Amino acid sequence: ENKVRRFRPGESLPNLKNKTVILVDDGPISNVLARVASS
């Protein structure tokens, strides 16, 4: 919640329904983080 307030204050994630989403990171150190994001 703190991270959302820091980087996306007052905004919800845009509507992603039926969208193609490109998820970007500097590199997955642990697959579990990428997996929870995908889920």
Full PDB file with SEQRES, HELIX, SHEET, SSBOND, CRYST1, ORIGX, SCALE, CONECT and MASTER records, all heavy atoms in Angstrom:
SEQRES   1 A   39  GLU ASN LYS VAL ARG ARG PHE ARG PRO GLY GLU SER LEU          
SEQRES   2 A   39  PRO ASN LEU LYS ASN LYS THR VAL ILE LEU VAL ASP ASP          
SEQRES   3 A   39  GLY PRO ILE SER ASN VAL LEU ALA ARG VAL ALA SER SER          
HELIX    1 AA1 ASN A    2  PHE A    7  1                                   6    
HELIX    2 AA2 ASN A   31  SER A   38  1                                   8    
CRYST1    1.000    1.000    1.000  90.00  90.00  90.00 P 1           1          
ORIGX1      1.000000  0.000000  0.000000        0.00000                         
ORIGX2      0.000000  1.000000  0.000000        0.00000                         
ORIGX3      0.000000  0.000000  1.000000        0.00000                         
SCALE1      1.000000  0.000000  0.000000        0.00000                         
SCALE2      0.000000  1.000000  0.000000        0.00000                         
SCALE3      0.000000  0.000000  1.000000        0.00000                         
ATOM      1  N   GLU A   1       0.830  -1.209   0.000  1.00  0.00           N  
ATOM      2  CA  GLU A   1       0.000   0.000   0.000  1.00  0.00           C  
ATOM      3  C   GLU A   1       0.862   1.256   0.000  1.00  0.00           C  
ATOM      4  O   GLU A   1       0.551   2.247  -0.679  1.00  0.00           O  
ATOM      5  CB  GLU A   1      -0.940  -0.015   1.202  1.00  0.00           C  
ATOM      6  CG  GLU A   1      -2.019  -1.095   1.114  1.00  0.00           C  
ATOM      7  CD  GLU A   1      -2.796  -1.267   2.405  1.00  0.00           C  
ATOM      8  OE1 GLU A   1      -2.354  -0.702   3.445  1.00  0.00           O  
ATOM      9  OE2 GLU A   1      -3.831  -1.962   2.394  1.00  0.00           O  
ATOM     10  N   ASN A   2       1.961   1.222   0.763  1.00  0.00           N  
ATOM     11  CA  ASN A   2       2.889   2.355   0.788  1.00  0.00           C  
ATOM     12  C   ASN A   2       3.531   2.574  -0.576  1.00  0.00           C  
ATOM     13  O   ASN A   2       3.700   3.719  -1.029  1.00  0.00           O  
ATOM     14  CB  ASN A   2       3.974   2.136   1.842  1.00  0.00           C  
ATOM     15  CG  ASN A   2       3.447   2.237   3.265  1.00  0.00           C  
ATOM     16  OD1 ASN A   2       2.409   2.852   3.504  1.00  0.00           O  
ATOM     17  ND2 ASN A   2       4.153   1.643   4.208  1.00  0.00           N  
ATOM     18  N   LYS A   3       3.880   1.483  -1.238  1.00  0.00           N  
ATOM     19  CA  LYS A   3       4.508   1.588  -2.557  1.00  0.00           C  
ATOM     20  C   LYS A   3       3.539   2.172  -3.575  1.00  0.00           C  
ATOM     21  O   LYS A   3       3.923   2.987  -4.418  1.00  0.00           O  
ATOM     22  CB  LYS A   3       5.017   0.210  -3.007  1.00  0.00           C  
ATOM     23  CG  LYS A   3       5.778   0.247  -4.316  1.00  0.00           C  
ATOM     24  CD  LYS A   3       6.374  -1.120  -4.660  1.00  0.00           C  
ATOM     25  CE  LYS A   3       7.656  -1.389  -3.902  1.00  0.00           C  
ATOM     26  NZ  LYS A   3       8.402  -2.553  -4.447  1.00  0.00           N  
ATOM     27  N   VAL A   4       2.268   1.769  -3.502  1.00  0.00           N  
ATOM     28  CA  VAL A   4       1.259   2.316  -4.409  1.00  0.00           C  
ATOM     29  C   VAL A   4       1.104   3.810  -4.172  1.00  0.00           C  
ATOM     30  O   VAL A   4       1.026   4.610  -5.115  1.00  0.00           O  
ATOM     31  CB  VAL A   4      -0.097   1.601  -4.232  1.00  0.00           C  
ATOM     32  CG1 VAL A   4      -1.202   2.330  -5.006  1.00  0.00           C  
ATOM     33  CG2 VAL A   4      -0.005   0.157  -4.696  1.00  0.00           C  
ATOM     34  N   ARG A   5       1.069   4.217  -2.894  1.00  0.00           N  
ATOM     35  CA  ARG A   5       0.940   5.641  -2.576  1.00  0.00           C  
ATOM     36  C   ARG A   5       2.145   6.431  -3.066  1.00  0.00           C  
ATOM     37  O   ARG A   5       2.026   7.586  -3.470  1.00  0.00           O  
ATOM     38  CB  ARG A   5       0.762   5.835  -1.064  1.00  0.00           C  
ATOM     39  CG  ARG A   5      -0.662   5.603  -0.579  1.00  0.00           C  
ATOM     40  CD  ARG A   5      -0.852   6.107   0.833  1.00  0.00           C  
ATOM     41  NE  ARG A   5      -0.107   5.328   1.795  1.00  0.00           N  
ATOM     42  CZ  ARG A   5      -0.590   4.267   2.431  1.00  0.00           C  
ATOM     43  NH1 ARG A   5      -1.834   3.875   2.200  1.00  0.00           N  
ATOM     44  NH2 ARG A   5       0.143   3.603   3.292  1.00  0.00           N  
ATOM     45  N   ARG A   6       3.321   5.796  -3.034  1.00  0.00           N  
ATOM     46  CA  ARG A   6       4.542   6.482  -3.467  1.00  0.00           C  
ATOM     47  C   ARG A   6       4.582   6.665  -4.980  1.00  0.00           C  
ATOM     48  O   ARG A   6       4.952   7.731  -5.476  1.00  0.00           O  
ATOM     49  CB  ARG A   6       5.775   5.683  -3.027  1.00  0.00           C  
ATOM     50  CG  ARG A   6       6.179   5.881  -1.582  1.00  0.00           C  
ATOM     51  CD  ARG A   6       7.107   4.767  -1.133  1.00  0.00           C  
ATOM     52  NE  ARG A   6       8.272   4.600  -1.983  1.00  0.00           N  
ATOM     53  CZ  ARG A   6       8.987   3.469  -2.014  1.00  0.00           C  
ATOM     54  NH1 ARG A   6       8.640   2.431  -1.290  1.00  0.00           N  
ATOM     55  NH2 ARG A   6      10.052   3.397  -2.788  1.00  0.00           N  
ATOM     56  N   PHE A   7       4.201   5.634  -5.719  1.00  0.00           N  
ATOM     57  CA  PHE A   7       4.425   5.637  -7.157  1.00  0.00           C  
ATOM     58  C   PHE A   7       3.164   5.815  -8.006  1.00  0.00           C  
ATOM     59  O   PHE A   7       3.262   6.134  -9.190  1.00  0.00           O  
ATOM     60  CB  PHE A   7       5.124   4.349  -7.583  1.00  0.00           C  
ATOM     61  CG  PHE A   7       6.480   4.164  -6.965  1.00  0.00           C  
ATOM     62  CD1 PHE A   7       6.840   2.965  -6.365  1.00  0.00           C  
ATOM     63  CD2 PHE A   7       7.397   5.194  -6.960  1.00  0.00           C  
ATOM     64  CE1 PHE A   7       8.094   2.795  -5.794  1.00  0.00           C  
ATOM     65  CE2 PHE A   7       8.655   5.042  -6.390  1.00  0.00           C  
ATOM     66  CZ  PHE A   7       9.004   3.839  -5.807  1.00  0.00           C  
ATOM     67  N   ARG A   8       1.980   5.597  -7.401  1.00  0.00           N  
ATOM     68  CA  ARG A   8       0.737   5.753  -8.159  1.00  0.00           C  
ATOM     69  C   ARG A   8      -0.318   6.405  -7.273  1.00  0.00           C  
ATOM     70  O   ARG A   8      -1.419   5.879  -7.104  1.00  0.00           O  
ATOM     71  CB  ARG A   8       0.264   4.382  -8.661  1.00  0.00           C  
ATOM     72  CG  ARG A   8      -0.492   4.406  -9.994  1.00  0.00           C  
ATOM     73  CD  ARG A   8      -0.904   3.021 -10.424  1.00  0.00           C  
ATOM     74  NE  ARG A   8      -1.801   2.395  -9.491  1.00  0.00           N  
ATOM     75  CZ  ARG A   8      -1.727   1.124  -9.082  1.00  0.00           C  
ATOM     76  NH1 ARG A   8      -0.784   0.325  -9.536  1.00  0.00           N  
ATOM     77  NH2 ARG A   8      -2.587   0.631  -8.212  1.00  0.00           N  
ATOM     78  N   PRO A   9       0.022   7.546  -6.681  1.00  0.00           N  
ATOM     79  CA  PRO A   9      -0.864   8.166  -5.684  1.00  0.00           C  
ATOM     80  C   PRO A   9      -2.220   8.566  -6.266  1.00  0.00           C  
ATOM     81  O   PRO A   9      -2.299   9.231  -7.283  1.00  0.00           O  
ATOM     82  CB  PRO A   9      -0.075   9.413  -5.245  1.00  0.00           C  
ATOM     83  CG  PRO A   9       0.830   9.719  -6.391  1.00  0.00           C  
ATOM     84  CD  PRO A   9       1.204   8.393  -6.976  1.00  0.00           C  
ATOM     85  N   GLY A  10      -3.277   8.102  -5.593  1.00  0.00           N  
ATOM     86  CA  GLY A  10      -4.625   8.468  -6.009  1.00  0.00           C  
ATOM     87  C   GLY A  10      -5.079   7.843  -7.308  1.00  0.00           C  
ATOM     88  O   GLY A  10      -6.135   8.190  -7.828  1.00  0.00           O  
ATOM     89  N   GLU A  11      -4.309   6.905  -7.841  1.00  0.00           N  
ATOM     90  CA  GLU A  11      -4.661   6.276  -9.120  1.00  0.00           C  
ATOM     91  C   GLU A  11      -4.760   4.767  -8.952  1.00  0.00           C  
ATOM     92  O   GLU A  11      -3.960   4.156  -8.250  1.00  0.00           O  
ATOM     93  CB  GLU A  11      -3.612   6.577 -10.187  1.00  0.00           C  
ATOM     94  CG  GLU A  11      -3.454   8.048 -10.548  1.00  0.00           C  
ATOM     95  CD  GLU A  11      -2.389   8.256 -11.605  1.00  0.00           C  
ATOM     96  OE1 GLU A  11      -2.030   7.267 -12.274  1.00  0.00           O  
ATOM     97  OE2 GLU A  11      -1.926   9.387 -11.745  1.00  0.00           O  
ATOM     98  N   SER A  12      -5.742   4.175  -9.599  1.00  0.00           N  
ATOM     99  CA  SER A  12      -5.827   2.723  -9.643  1.00  0.00           C  
ATOM    100  C   SER A  12      -5.123   2.234 -10.898  1.00  0.00           C  
ATOM    101  O   SER A  12      -4.828   3.015 -11.804  1.00  0.00           O  
ATOM    102  CB  SER A  12      -7.295   2.274  -9.651  1.00  0.00           C  
ATOM    103  OG  SER A  12      -7.974   2.822 -10.770  1.00  0.00           O  
ATOM    104  N   LEU A  13      -4.835   0.963 -10.931  1.00  0.00           N  
ATOM    105  CA  LEU A  13      -4.237   0.390 -12.141  1.00  0.00           C  
ATOM    106  C   LEU A  13      -5.241   0.533 -13.283  1.00  0.00           C  
ATOM    107  O   LEU A  13      -6.431   0.288 -13.093  1.00  0.00           O  
ATOM    108  CB  LEU A  13      -3.904  -1.079 -11.900  1.00  0.00           C  
ATOM    109  CG  LEU A  13      -2.948  -1.772 -12.870  1.00  0.00           C  
ATOM    110  CD1 LEU A  13      -1.561  -1.160 -12.761  1.00  0.00           C  
ATOM    111  CD2 LEU A  13      -2.887  -3.270 -12.580  1.00  0.00           C  
ATOM    112  N   PRO A  14      -4.802   0.965 -14.466  1.00  0.00           N  
ATOM    113  CA  PRO A  14      -5.739   1.113 -15.600  1.00  0.00           C  
ATOM    114  C   PRO A  14      -6.479  -0.187 -15.902  1.00  0.00           C  
ATOM    115  O   PRO A  14      -6.030  -1.278 -15.545  1.00  0.00           O  
ATOM    116  CB  PRO A  14      -4.816   1.504 -16.756  1.00  0.00           C  
ATOM    117  CG  PRO A  14      -3.634   2.125 -16.107  1.00  0.00           C  
ATOM    118  CD  PRO A  14      -3.443   1.380 -14.818  1.00  0.00           C  
ATOM    119  N   ASN A  15      -7.605  -0.058 -16.556  1.00  0.00           N  
ATOM    120  CA  ASN A  15      -8.399  -1.222 -16.945  1.00  0.00           C  
ATOM    121  C   ASN A  15      -7.584  -2.113 -17.887  1.00  0.00           C  
ATOM    122  O   ASN A  15      -7.147  -1.671 -18.947  1.00  0.00           O  
ATOM    123  CB  ASN A  15      -9.690  -0.753 -17.633  1.00  0.00           C  
ATOM    124  CG  ASN A  15     -10.582  -1.922 -18.034  1.00  0.00           C  
ATOM    125  OD1 ASN A  15     -10.374  -3.060 -17.612  1.00  0.00           O  
ATOM    126  ND2 ASN A  15     -11.568  -1.652 -18.863  1.00  0.00           N  
ATOM    127  N   LEU A  16      -7.389  -3.351 -17.494  1.00  0.00           N  
ATOM    128  CA  LEU A  16      -6.565  -4.270 -18.284  1.00  0.00           C  
ATOM    129  C   LEU A  16      -7.394  -5.333 -19.001  1.00  0.00           C  
ATOM    130  O   LEU A  16      -6.822  -6.207 -19.666  1.00  0.00           O  
ATOM    131  CB  LEU A  16      -5.538  -4.969 -17.376  1.00  0.00           C  
ATOM    132  CG  LEU A  16      -4.584  -4.057 -16.601  1.00  0.00           C  
ATOM    133  CD1 LEU A  16      -3.649  -4.900 -15.733  1.00  0.00           C  
ATOM    134  CD2 LEU A  16      -3.783  -3.170 -17.536  1.00  0.00           C  
ATOM    135  N   LYS A  17      -8.699  -5.262 -18.885  1.00  0.00           N  
ATOM    136  CA  LYS A  17      -9.542  -6.305 -19.460  1.00  0.00           C  
ATOM    137  C   LYS A  17      -9.321  -6.424 -20.965  1.00  0.00           C  
ATOM    138  O   LYS A  17      -9.406  -5.449 -21.707  1.00  0.00           O  
ATOM    139  CB  LYS A  17     -11.012  -6.019 -19.168  1.00  0.00           C  
ATOM    140  CG  LYS A  17     -11.923  -7.183 -19.538  1.00  0.00           C  
ATOM    141  CD  LYS A  17     -13.344  -6.967 -19.062  1.00  0.00           C  
ATOM    142  CE  LYS A  17     -14.214  -8.169 -19.395  1.00  0.00           C  
ATOM    143  NZ  LYS A  17     -15.608  -7.975 -18.925  1.00  0.00           N  
ATOM    144  N   ASN A  18      -8.989  -7.647 -21.377  1.00  0.00           N  
ATOM    145  CA  ASN A  18      -8.757  -7.984 -22.797  1.00  0.00           C  
ATOM    146  C   ASN A  18      -7.583  -7.219 -23.405  1.00  0.00           C  
ATOM    147  O   ASN A  18      -7.483  -7.112 -24.626  1.00  0.00           O  
ATOM    148  CB  ASN A  18     -10.020  -7.742 -23.630  1.00  0.00           C  
ATOM    149  CG  ASN A  18     -11.153  -8.670 -23.228  1.00  0.00           C  
ATOM    150  OD1 ASN A  18     -10.926  -9.824 -22.886  1.00  0.00           O  
ATOM    151  ND2 ASN A  18     -12.372  -8.156 -23.234  1.00  0.00           N  
ATOM    152  N   LYS A  19      -6.698  -6.698 -22.583  1.00  0.00           N  
ATOM    153  CA  LYS A  19      -5.532  -5.972 -23.080  1.00  0.00           C  
ATOM    154  C   LYS A  19      -4.306  -6.890 -23.144  1.00  0.00           C  
ATOM    155  O   LYS A  19      -4.182  -7.865 -22.408  1.00  0.00           O  
ATOM    156  CB  LYS A  19      -5.206  -4.797 -22.157  1.00  0.00           C  
ATOM    157  CG  LYS A  19      -6.298  -3.751 -22.020  1.00  0.00           C  
ATOM    158  CD  LYS A  19      -6.343  -2.857 -23.228  1.00  0.00           C  
ATOM    159  CE  LYS A  19      -7.393  -1.760 -23.056  1.00  0.00           C  
ATOM    160  NZ  LYS A  19      -7.084  -0.837 -21.947  1.00  0.00           N  
ATOM    161  N   THR A  20      -3.396  -6.530 -24.050  1.00  0.00           N  
ATOM    162  CA  THR A  20      -2.067  -7.137 -24.041  1.00  0.00           C  
ATOM    163  C   THR A  20      -1.202  -6.304 -23.106  1.00  0.00           C  
ATOM    164  O   THR A  20      -1.101  -5.093 -23.276  1.00  0.00           O  
ATOM    165  CB  THR A  20      -1.454  -7.150 -25.452  1.00  0.00           C  
ATOM    166  OG1 THR A  20      -2.215  -8.024 -26.287  1.00  0.00           O  
ATOM    167  CG2 THR A  20      -0.005  -7.651 -25.407  1.00  0.00           C  
ATOM    168  N   VAL A  21      -0.610  -6.942 -22.114  1.00  0.00           N  
ATOM    169  CA  VAL A  21       0.195  -6.239 -21.116  1.00  0.00           C  
ATOM    170  C   VAL A  21       1.641  -6.703 -21.219  1.00  0.00           C  
ATOM    171  O   VAL A  21       1.916  -7.906 -21.243  1.00  0.00           O  
ATOM    172  CB  VAL A  21      -0.327  -6.498 -19.687  1.00  0.00           C  
ATOM    173  CG1 VAL A  21       0.573  -5.816 -18.660  1.00  0.00           C  
ATOM    174  CG2 VAL A  21      -1.759  -6.012 -19.540  1.00  0.00           C  
ATOM    175  N   ILE A  22       2.551  -5.736 -21.303  1.00  0.00           N  
ATOM    176  CA  ILE A  22       3.981  -6.044 -21.256  1.00  0.00           C  
ATOM    177  C   ILE A  22       4.476  -5.705 -19.860  1.00  0.00           C  
ATOM    178  O   ILE A  22       4.491  -4.537 -19.459  1.00  0.00           O  
ATOM    179  CB  ILE A  22       4.765  -5.257 -22.317  1.00  0.00           C  
ATOM    180  CG1 ILE A  22       4.236  -5.573 -23.717  1.00  0.00           C  
ATOM    181  CG2 ILE A  22       6.260  -5.580 -22.230  1.00  0.00           C  
ATOM    182  CD1 ILE A  22       4.905  -4.796 -24.829  1.00  0.00           C  
ATOM    183  N   LEU A  23       4.835  -6.718 -19.091  1.00  0.00           N  
ATOM    184  CA  LEU A  23       5.342  -6.539 -17.736  1.00  0.00           C  
ATOM    185  C   LEU A  23       6.860  -6.399 -17.805  1.00  0.00           C  
ATOM    186  O   LEU A  23       7.541  -7.250 -18.377  1.00  0.00           O  
ATOM    187  CB  LEU A  23       4.969  -7.731 -16.857  1.00  0.00           C  
ATOM    188  CG  LEU A  23       5.461  -7.682 -15.412  1.00  0.00           C  
ATOM    189  CD1 LEU A  23       4.740  -6.596 -14.618  1.00  0.00           C  
ATOM    190  CD2 LEU A  23       5.289  -9.047 -14.740  1.00  0.00           C  
ATOM    191  N   VAL A  24       7.375  -5.320 -17.212  1.00  0.00           N  
ATOM    192  CA  VAL A  24       8.801  -5.007 -17.349  1.00  0.00           C  
ATOM    193  C   VAL A  24       9.473  -4.953 -15.982  1.00  0.00           C  
ATOM    194  O   VAL A  24       8.969  -4.328 -15.046  1.00  0.00           O  
ATOM    195  CB  VAL A  24       8.999  -3.655 -18.070  1.00  0.00           C  
ATOM    196  CG1 VAL A  24      10.484  -3.387 -18.283  1.00  0.00           C  
ATOM    197  CG2 VAL A  24       8.255  -3.640 -19.398  1.00  0.00           C  
ATOM    198  N   ASP A  25      10.618  -5.588 -15.897  1.00  0.00           N  
ATOM    199  CA  ASP A  25      11.454  -5.518 -14.695  1.00  0.00           C  
ATOM    200  C   ASP A  25      12.892  -5.429 -15.156  1.00  0.00           C  
ATOM    201  O   ASP A  25      13.208  -5.646 -16.331  1.00  0.00           O  
ATOM    202  CB  ASP A  25      11.224  -6.753 -13.822  1.00  0.00           C  
ATOM    203  CG  ASP A  25      11.756  -6.573 -12.401  1.00  0.00           C  
ATOM    204  OD1 ASP A  25      12.136  -5.434 -12.042  1.00  0.00           O  
ATOM    205  OD2 ASP A  25      11.778  -7.560 -11.650  1.00  0.00           O  
ATOM    206  N   ASP A  26      13.798  -5.106 -14.231  1.00  0.00           N  
ATOM    207  CA  ASP A  26      15.209  -5.061 -14.618  1.00  0.00           C  
ATOM    208  C   ASP A  26      15.802  -6.460 -14.697  1.00  0.00           C  
ATOM    209  O   ASP A  26      16.904  -6.646 -15.201  1.00  0.00           O  
ATOM    210  CB  ASP A  26      16.020  -4.163 -13.676  1.00  0.00           C  
ATOM    211  CG  ASP A  26      15.822  -4.488 -12.212  1.00  0.00           C  
ATOM    212  OD1 ASP A  26      15.121  -5.484 -11.915  1.00  0.00           O  
ATOM    213  OD2 ASP A  26      16.349  -3.751 -11.357  1.00  0.00           O  
ATOM    214  N   GLY A  27      15.083  -7.451 -14.204  1.00  0.00           N  
ATOM    215  CA  GLY A  27      15.534  -8.829 -14.285  1.00  0.00           C  
ATOM    216  C   GLY A  27      15.029  -9.606 -13.087  1.00  0.00           C  
ATOM    217  O   GLY A  27      15.221  -9.171 -11.959  1.00  0.00           O  
ATOM    218  N   PRO A  28      14.353 -10.741 -13.292  1.00  0.00           N  
ATOM    219  CA  PRO A  28      13.802 -11.498 -12.167  1.00  0.00           C  
ATOM    220  C   PRO A  28      14.879 -12.257 -11.398  1.00  0.00           C  
ATOM    221  O   PRO A  28      15.456 -13.220 -11.892  1.00  0.00           O  
ATOM    222  CB  PRO A  28      12.813 -12.458 -12.834  1.00  0.00           C  
ATOM    223  CG  PRO A  28      13.346 -12.640 -14.212  1.00  0.00           C  
ATOM    224  CD  PRO A  28      14.035 -11.362 -14.577  1.00  0.00           C  
ATOM    225  N   ILE A  29      15.176 -11.777 -10.175  1.00  0.00           N  
ATOM    226  CA  ILE A  29      16.086 -12.516  -9.310  1.00  0.00           C  
ATOM    227  C   ILE A  29      15.400 -13.781  -8.817  1.00  0.00           C  
ATOM    228  O   ILE A  29      15.986 -14.839  -8.687  1.00  0.00           O  
ATOM    229  CB  ILE A  29      16.502 -11.647  -8.096  1.00  0.00           C  
ATOM    230  CG1 ILE A  29      17.245 -10.402  -8.571  1.00  0.00           C  
ATOM    231  CG2 ILE A  29      17.362 -12.436  -7.137  1.00  0.00           C  
ATOM    232  CD1 ILE A  29      18.543 -10.685  -9.279  1.00  0.00           C  
ATOM    233  N   SER A  30      14.110 -13.656  -8.544  1.00  0.00           N  
ATOM    234  CA  SER A  30      13.316 -14.793  -8.089  1.00  0.00           C  
ATOM    235  C   SER A  30      12.079 -14.917  -8.969  1.00  0.00           C  
ATOM    236  O   SER A  30      11.367 -13.946  -9.182  1.00  0.00           O  
ATOM    237  CB  SER A  30      12.902 -14.600  -6.624  1.00  0.00           C  
ATOM    238  OG  SER A  30      11.996 -15.601  -6.224  1.00  0.00           O  
ATOM    239  N   ASN A  31      11.829 -16.108  -9.473  1.00  0.00           N  
ATOM    240  CA  ASN A  31      10.677 -16.312 -10.352  1.00  0.00           C  
ATOM    241  C   ASN A  31       9.355 -16.037  -9.648  1.00  0.00           C  
ATOM    242  O   ASN A  31       8.362 -15.708 -10.285  1.00  0.00           O  
ATOM    243  CB  ASN A  31      10.673 -17.739 -10.883  1.00  0.00           C  
ATOM    244  CG  ASN A  31      11.797 -17.998 -11.854  1.00  0.00           C  
ATOM    245  OD1 ASN A  31      12.505 -17.080 -12.256  1.00  0.00           O  
ATOM    246  ND2 ASN A  31      11.983 -19.244 -12.234  1.00  0.00           N  
ATOM    247  N   VAL A  32       9.341 -16.178  -8.328  1.00  0.00           N  
ATOM    248  CA  VAL A  32       8.085 -16.055  -7.591  1.00  0.00           C  
ATOM    249  C   VAL A  32       7.486 -14.659  -7.732  1.00  0.00           C  
ATOM    250  O   VAL A  32       6.260 -14.506  -7.782  1.00  0.00           O  
ATOM    251  CB  VAL A  32       8.291 -16.429  -6.100  1.00  0.00           C  
ATOM    252  CG1 VAL A  32       9.157 -15.401  -5.384  1.00  0.00           C  
ATOM    253  CG2 VAL A  32       6.959 -16.572  -5.391  1.00  0.00           C  
ATOM    254  N   LEU A  33       8.314 -13.620  -7.832  1.00  0.00           N  
ATOM    255  CA  LEU A  33       7.800 -12.260  -7.975  1.00  0.00           C  
ATOM    256  C   LEU A  33       7.143 -12.073  -9.346  1.00  0.00           C  
ATOM    257  O   LEU A  33       6.052 -11.489  -9.453  1.00  0.00           O  
ATOM    258  CB  LEU A  33       8.923 -11.237  -7.791  1.00  0.00           C  
ATOM    259  CG  LEU A  33       8.479  -9.776  -7.702  1.00  0.00           C  
ATOM    260  CD1 LEU A  33       7.633  -9.548  -6.460  1.00  0.00           C  
ATOM    261  CD2 LEU A  33       9.689  -8.851  -7.678  1.00  0.00           C  
ATOM    262  N   ALA A  34       7.799 -12.568 -10.383  1.00  0.00           N  
ATOM    263  CA  ALA A  34       7.230 -12.483 -11.728  1.00  0.00           C  
ATOM    264  C   ALA A  34       5.926 -13.265 -11.805  1.00  0.00           C  
ATOM    265  O   ALA A  34       4.962 -12.840 -12.444  1.00  0.00           O  
ATOM    266  CB  ALA A  34       8.235 -13.008 -12.754  1.00  0.00           C  
ATOM    267  N   ARG A  35       5.878 -14.397 -11.107  1.00  0.00           N  
ATOM    268  CA  ARG A  35       4.681 -15.237 -11.155  1.00  0.00           C  
ATOM    269  C   ARG A  35       3.495 -14.587 -10.467  1.00  0.00           C  
ATOM    270  O   ARG A  35       2.373 -14.649 -10.965  1.00  0.00           O  
ATOM    271  CB  ARG A  35       4.985 -16.593 -10.521  1.00  0.00           C  
ATOM    272  CG  ARG A  35       5.769 -17.516 -11.444  1.00  0.00           C  
ATOM    273  CD  ARG A  35       6.019 -18.857 -10.829  1.00  0.00           C  
ATOM    274  NE  ARG A  35       6.542 -19.784 -11.826  1.00  0.00           N  
ATOM    275  CZ  ARG A  35       7.546 -20.622 -11.611  1.00  0.00           C  
ATOM    276  NH1 ARG A  35       8.138 -20.645 -10.434  1.00  0.00           N  
ATOM    277  NH2 ARG A  35       7.958 -21.414 -12.572  1.00  0.00           N  
ATOM    278  N   VAL A  36       3.728 -13.972  -9.313  1.00  0.00           N  
ATOM    279  CA  VAL A  36       2.597 -13.337  -8.625  1.00  0.00           C  
ATOM    280  C   VAL A  36       2.113 -12.130  -9.418  1.00  0.00           C  
ATOM    281  O   VAL A  36       0.904 -11.840  -9.458  1.00  0.00           O  
ATOM    282  CB  VAL A  36       2.969 -12.950  -7.169  1.00  0.00           C  
ATOM    283  CG1 VAL A  36       3.784 -11.666  -7.107  1.00  0.00           C  
ATOM    284  CG2 VAL A  36       1.711 -12.802  -6.315  1.00  0.00           C  
ATOM    285  N   ALA A  37       3.031 -11.443 -10.088  1.00  0.00           N  
ATOM    286  CA  ALA A  37       2.642 -10.312 -10.938  1.00  0.00           C  
ATOM    287  C   ALA A  37       1.795 -10.793 -12.116  1.00  0.00           C  
ATOM    288  O   ALA A  37       0.765 -10.194 -12.441  1.00  0.00           O  
ATOM    289  CB  ALA A  37       3.875  -9.575 -11.442  1.00  0.00           C  
ATOM    290  N   SER A  38       2.219 -11.875 -12.748  1.00  0.00           N  
ATOM    291  CA  SER A  38       1.462 -12.439 -13.872  1.00  0.00           C  
ATOM    292  C   SER A  38       0.076 -12.886 -13.423  1.00  0.00           C  
ATOM    293  O   SER A  38      -0.932 -12.612 -14.082  1.00  0.00           O  
ATOM    294  CB  SER A  38       2.222 -13.624 -14.468  1.00  0.00           C  
ATOM    295  OG  SER A  38       1.451 -14.293 -15.436  1.00  0.00           O  
ATOM    296  N   SER A  39       0.018 -13.553 -12.278  1.00  0.00           N  
ATOM    297  CA  SER A  39      -1.256 -14.027 -11.748  1.00  0.00           C  
ATOM    298  C   SER A  39      -2.202 -12.862 -11.471  1.00  0.00           C  
ATOM    299  O   SER A  39      -3.399 -12.923 -11.771  1.00  0.00           O  
ATOM    300  CB  SER A  39      -1.010 -14.827 -10.462  1.00  0.00           C  
ATOM    301  OG  SER A  39      -2.225 -15.196  -9.856  1.00  0.00           O  
TER     302      SER A  39                                                      
MASTER        0    0    0    2    0    0    0    6  301    1    0    3          
END                                                                             
